[in-house]
Structures are given as C-alpha cells and as structure tokens.
Protein backbone atom coordinates (compact mmCIF):
# COMPACT_ATOMS: atom_id res chain seq x y z
CA MET A 1 111.76 91.01 180.87
CA ASP A 2 110.79 92.90 177.72
CA TYR A 3 108.53 91.53 175.00
CA LEU A 4 109.05 92.71 171.43
CA TYR A 5 106.11 93.06 169.02
CA GLU A 6 105.89 93.92 165.35
CA THR A 7 102.99 96.26 164.56
CA HIS A 8 103.28 96.56 160.77
CA MET A 9 104.16 93.74 158.36
CA HIS A 10 103.04 91.97 155.20
CA THR A 11 102.77 88.52 153.62
CA SER A 12 103.08 87.56 149.97
CA GLU A 13 99.81 85.61 150.11
CA VAL A 14 97.85 88.87 150.37
CA SER A 15 100.10 91.92 149.87
CA ALA A 16 101.09 92.14 146.20
CA CYS A 17 104.28 94.02 147.08
CA ALA A 18 105.51 91.43 149.62
CA GLY A 19 108.22 88.94 148.77
CA SER A 20 108.00 86.41 151.62
CA THR A 21 105.22 84.09 152.72
CA ALA A 22 103.52 84.29 156.07
CA ALA A 23 105.41 81.25 157.34
CA GLU A 24 108.76 82.68 156.19
CA GLN A 25 108.01 85.95 157.97
CA VAL A 26 106.99 84.16 161.16
CA HIS A 27 110.18 82.13 161.31
CA ALA A 28 112.31 85.21 160.64
CA TYR A 29 110.70 87.13 163.51
CA LYS A 30 110.94 84.14 165.83
CA GLN A 31 114.64 83.75 165.05
CA ILE A 32 115.50 87.31 166.09
CA GLY A 33 113.57 87.17 169.35
CA TYR A 34 110.14 88.74 168.80
CA ALA A 35 107.34 87.66 171.13
CA GLY A 36 104.64 88.37 168.57
CA ILE A 37 103.58 90.06 165.35
CA ILE A 38 100.47 91.75 163.98
CA ILE A 39 99.77 90.81 160.38
CA THR A 40 98.79 94.01 158.55
CA ASP A 41 98.42 93.01 154.92
CA HIS A 42 97.25 95.61 152.44
CA PHE A 43 93.47 95.64 152.41
CA VAL A 44 91.56 95.18 149.16
CA ASN A 45 91.61 98.94 148.50
CA GLY A 46 95.42 98.84 148.52
CA TYR A 47 98.08 96.82 146.74
CA SER A 48 96.38 93.49 147.31
CA THR A 49 96.34 90.08 145.62
CA CYS A 50 92.62 89.68 146.38
CA PRO A 51 90.61 89.12 143.17
CA LYS A 52 88.46 92.18 142.54
CA GLU A 53 85.86 90.40 140.42
CA GLU A 54 84.87 87.88 143.10
CA PRO A 55 82.02 88.29 145.65
CA TRP A 56 82.89 89.99 148.93
CA ASP A 57 82.96 86.82 151.02
CA ILE A 58 85.39 85.13 148.62
CA ARG A 59 87.62 88.21 148.64
CA MET A 60 87.63 88.28 152.43
CA LYS A 61 88.48 84.57 152.65
CA HIS A 62 91.46 85.22 150.40
CA PHE A 63 92.45 88.29 152.42
CA TYR A 64 92.39 86.27 155.63
CA THR A 65 94.84 83.64 154.34
CA GLY A 66 97.94 85.70 155.20
CA TYR A 67 96.94 85.79 158.85
CA GLN A 68 95.74 82.18 158.88
CA ASN A 69 99.01 80.86 157.48
CA ALA A 70 101.00 83.02 159.88
CA LYS A 71 98.93 81.82 162.83
CA ILE A 72 99.54 78.17 161.94
CA ALA A 73 103.28 78.78 161.64
CA GLY A 74 103.32 80.86 164.82
CA ASP A 75 101.52 78.21 166.84
CA ASP A 76 104.01 75.67 165.58
CA CYS A 77 107.15 77.63 166.51
CA GLY A 78 105.93 79.59 169.54
CA LEU A 79 105.38 83.07 168.10
CA ASP A 80 102.13 84.91 168.90
CA VAL A 81 100.31 86.11 165.77
CA PHE A 82 97.55 88.72 165.81
CA PHE A 83 95.22 89.97 163.08
CA GLY A 84 94.99 93.43 161.55
CA TRP A 85 95.17 95.17 158.19
CA GLU A 86 96.39 98.29 156.42
CA TYR A 87 93.50 100.30 154.99
CA THR A 88 94.34 102.64 152.10
CA ILE A 89 92.66 105.89 151.05
CA ARG A 90 94.26 107.64 148.07
CA GLY A 91 97.68 106.38 149.11
CA SER A 92 97.36 107.15 152.83
CA ASP A 93 97.50 104.06 155.03
CA PHE A 94 95.80 103.23 158.32
CA LEU A 95 96.82 100.29 160.50
CA THR A 96 93.70 98.72 161.97
CA TYR A 97 93.61 96.28 164.89
CA GLY A 98 90.99 94.74 167.17
CA LEU A 99 88.47 93.53 164.59
CA ASP A 100 88.02 90.01 163.26
CA PHE A 101 86.98 87.98 160.25
CA GLU A 102 83.33 88.21 161.22
CA PHE A 103 83.59 92.01 161.04
CA LEU A 104 84.92 91.74 157.49
CA LEU A 105 82.07 89.48 156.37
CA ALA A 106 79.45 91.67 158.07
CA HIS A 107 80.53 94.88 156.32
CA PRO A 108 80.63 94.28 152.56
CA ASN A 109 82.31 96.95 150.46
CA PHE A 110 83.44 99.06 153.40
CA ASP A 111 86.69 99.49 151.47
CA MET A 112 84.99 102.39 149.69
CA LEU A 113 84.58 104.52 152.83
CA PRO A 114 86.38 107.86 153.27
CA ILE A 115 88.46 108.25 156.42
CA ASP A 116 85.81 109.93 158.57
CA GLN A 117 83.26 107.18 157.92
CA TYR A 118 85.89 104.45 158.18
CA SER A 119 87.12 105.81 161.49
CA ALA A 120 83.59 105.94 162.90
CA LEU A 121 82.80 102.38 161.76
CA VAL A 122 86.01 100.84 163.11
CA ARG A 123 85.86 102.58 166.47
CA ASP A 124 82.13 101.99 166.95
CA CYS A 125 82.86 98.28 166.50
CA GLY A 126 85.68 98.33 169.06
CA GLY A 127 88.65 98.65 166.71
CA PHE A 128 91.77 100.80 166.79
CA ILE A 129 93.35 102.95 164.04
CA ALA A 130 96.90 104.25 163.74
CA GLN A 131 98.01 106.23 160.71
CA ALA A 132 101.08 104.64 159.15
CA HIS A 133 104.00 106.70 157.79
CA PRO A 134 101.88 109.89 157.53
CA TYR A 135 104.56 111.96 155.79
CA ARG A 136 105.64 109.37 153.22
CA ASP A 137 106.77 111.19 150.08
CA ALA A 138 105.77 108.83 147.29
CA TRP A 139 104.11 109.33 143.93
CA TYR A 140 101.02 107.32 144.92
CA VAL A 141 100.26 109.36 148.08
CA GLU A 142 97.84 112.18 147.30
CA ASN A 143 97.89 113.78 150.76
CA LYS A 144 101.37 113.70 152.28
CA PHE A 145 100.15 114.83 155.72
CA PRO A 146 98.40 113.19 158.67
CA VAL A 147 94.63 113.22 158.87
CA ASP A 148 92.90 115.22 161.60
CA SER A 149 94.06 113.83 164.94
CA HIS A 150 90.51 113.08 166.17
CA LEU A 151 90.13 110.45 163.42
CA ILE A 152 92.94 108.20 164.68
CA ASP A 153 93.91 106.60 167.97
CA ALA A 154 97.68 106.66 167.51
CA ILE A 155 100.33 107.45 164.94
CA GLU A 156 103.28 105.53 163.57
CA VAL A 157 106.16 107.89 164.30
CA PHE A 158 108.87 105.49 163.18
CA ASN A 159 108.60 103.37 160.06
CA SER A 160 111.84 101.66 159.13
CA MET A 161 111.01 102.00 155.42
CA ASP A 162 110.63 105.78 155.70
CA SER A 163 113.17 108.57 155.81
CA ASP A 164 114.46 110.13 159.02
CA LYS A 165 112.86 113.40 157.89
CA SER A 166 109.42 111.83 157.48
CA ASN A 167 109.66 109.99 160.80
CA LYS A 168 110.70 113.18 162.58
CA LYS A 169 107.71 115.06 161.16
CA ALA A 170 105.40 112.27 162.34
CA SER A 171 106.86 112.51 165.86
CA GLU A 172 106.38 116.26 165.92
CA TYR A 173 102.75 115.92 164.80
CA ALA A 174 102.04 113.25 167.42
CA LEU A 175 103.53 115.33 170.22
CA LEU A 176 101.67 118.43 169.09
CA HIS A 177 98.34 116.59 169.26
CA ASN A 178 99.20 114.35 172.24
CA LEU A 179 98.70 111.19 170.20
CA PRO A 180 100.02 107.83 171.40
CA LEU A 181 103.14 106.69 169.53
CA GLN A 182 104.05 103.44 167.86
CA ALA A 183 106.76 102.10 165.56
CA GLY A 184 106.82 99.37 162.93
CA SER A 185 109.09 97.72 160.42
CA ASP A 186 106.69 97.73 157.45
CA SER A 187 108.45 94.49 156.54
CA HIS A 188 107.59 92.97 153.18
CA HIS A 189 110.16 90.15 153.09
CA THR A 190 112.62 88.31 155.30
CA ARG A 191 115.53 90.18 153.69
CA HIS A 192 114.26 93.30 155.47
CA ALA A 193 117.12 94.07 157.84
CA HIS A 194 115.73 97.07 159.71
CA TYR A 195 113.33 95.44 162.13
CA SER A 196 111.34 97.79 164.36
CA GLY A 197 108.26 97.65 166.59
CA ILE A 198 107.41 98.16 170.24
CA LYS A 199 108.60 96.71 173.54
CA MET A 200 106.22 95.89 176.37
CA SER A 201 107.03 94.97 179.94
CA THR A 202 104.32 92.29 180.02
CA LYS A 203 103.37 89.61 177.52
CA ALA A 204 100.34 90.30 175.35
CA ASN A 205 97.60 87.69 175.63
CA ASP A 206 95.70 89.21 172.73
CA VAL A 207 95.87 92.19 170.39
CA PHE A 208 93.90 94.34 172.86
CA ASP A 209 96.80 94.11 175.31
CA ILE A 210 98.97 95.69 172.62
CA ILE A 211 96.33 98.30 171.79
CA ASN A 212 95.90 99.27 175.44
CA ALA A 213 99.65 99.50 176.01
CA ILE A 214 99.94 101.88 173.05
CA LEU A 215 96.96 103.96 174.19
CA ASP A 216 98.29 104.13 177.76
CA LYS A 217 101.72 105.14 176.40
CA LYS A 218 103.35 102.18 178.12
CA VAL A 219 105.40 100.97 175.17
CA GLU A 220 109.01 101.58 174.24
CA LEU A 221 109.62 102.29 170.56
CA VAL A 222 112.17 100.12 168.82
CA THR A 223 113.83 102.32 166.21
C-alpha cells in the first residue's frame, strides 16, 4: 500500500495569497486520498497575514493558527497533519520541517537571517530544509537559481505551480549535486487541480518519518 503526502501547501489564515482555510484544505486532501499533509504557510518574512507591529510571541501565535486549525480538522476526518513553514529570502523560498512552536518562540526575529545563518540554525536544532521551486521566474525573485547545495538537505524538483522548464532545471541541479528529491503542489486553495507530493511505502507516524524517507531517497515523486 502506498501513502500519499503533500509537502508544500498554504492556508488562508496565515498565507496572504491563499484562498482556502486550513479546514477546507484538509477536507479537499482527504477527499482525494492523501494520508497526510505538511502545512507550509509563508513565514513572517514572506507573504504573510501576521501583523508586523505586534511582539514576536503574538506574531508566532498567529502564524501557528494555520497548522492548529488544520490539525483539528485532520484529527476529525482522519488526515495526518504536520507542521512546517516556507521561509523567504529576497523571493527565494525554503521549506522547513522538523521544528515546533517552541522553536519559534525561542528564536525571536530569526526571520532576518540570511540563508547561511538560517541553514545553520535550523539544522543545528534538528530541522530540515528543502529549497522550493529554485528556478521560479517571477518578478519578486532576486536570485532565480538554487543556493549552494551544502546549505539545503533536499530540493523540490517538481512544483505543480511552476513551469516544466523550471522543474526540469531543478531536477538537473539536484542530480548534479546528488541532492534528495521531493515534489509538492504549492496549493493555495481547494480549486487547485494539480495535486502533487510524494508517495511512501509505509505510513508516517510523524514528520521525521517523511524527512528520513526523503533523505534516504525512498519516496516516489507524484508529478
């Protein structure tokens, strides 16, 4: 039996560009047969609904609501929901898994870190980083190339919101540098028809099972 997981998705509670709530997203994924999802709302240095004028702890409580609402809905309907975020540096995005709410509260203003310092902090604390859509050609992306391979743990080689050309370049970069591969829908609303993600042969008990499967190259990409 295969288990399907979403690695890249957003909720309207936290991501300003999203059009569906966490609960709506959960029910949509459950309906089409996913085993679980990782909530990766835009962090406060990206396109976020988090109020910038509030203290850090208030901002983090707001940021956490997308995951919290998804988890409640997931527990109710039988869909596993895991926590992550999408960290943004000058338009380049980095999917981050394996850290929790306590990490957010303990590291105020880490949203200002450049990628080398961010990578060191996340990995030193036991987290995982995958660069999302590294060749996205958009006006807001300053550097339309992947970062140095030693700064990330994996790379998103298929993003269903990106072009075939961009996805192909990401695959070529990953293979050149022997980086683990992953795929994601980058879903912002339930009308998103091009669902993607990864398949695993065993059910994930927590987000680290997903991380380890990606790192061990034991996932099948859903493209």
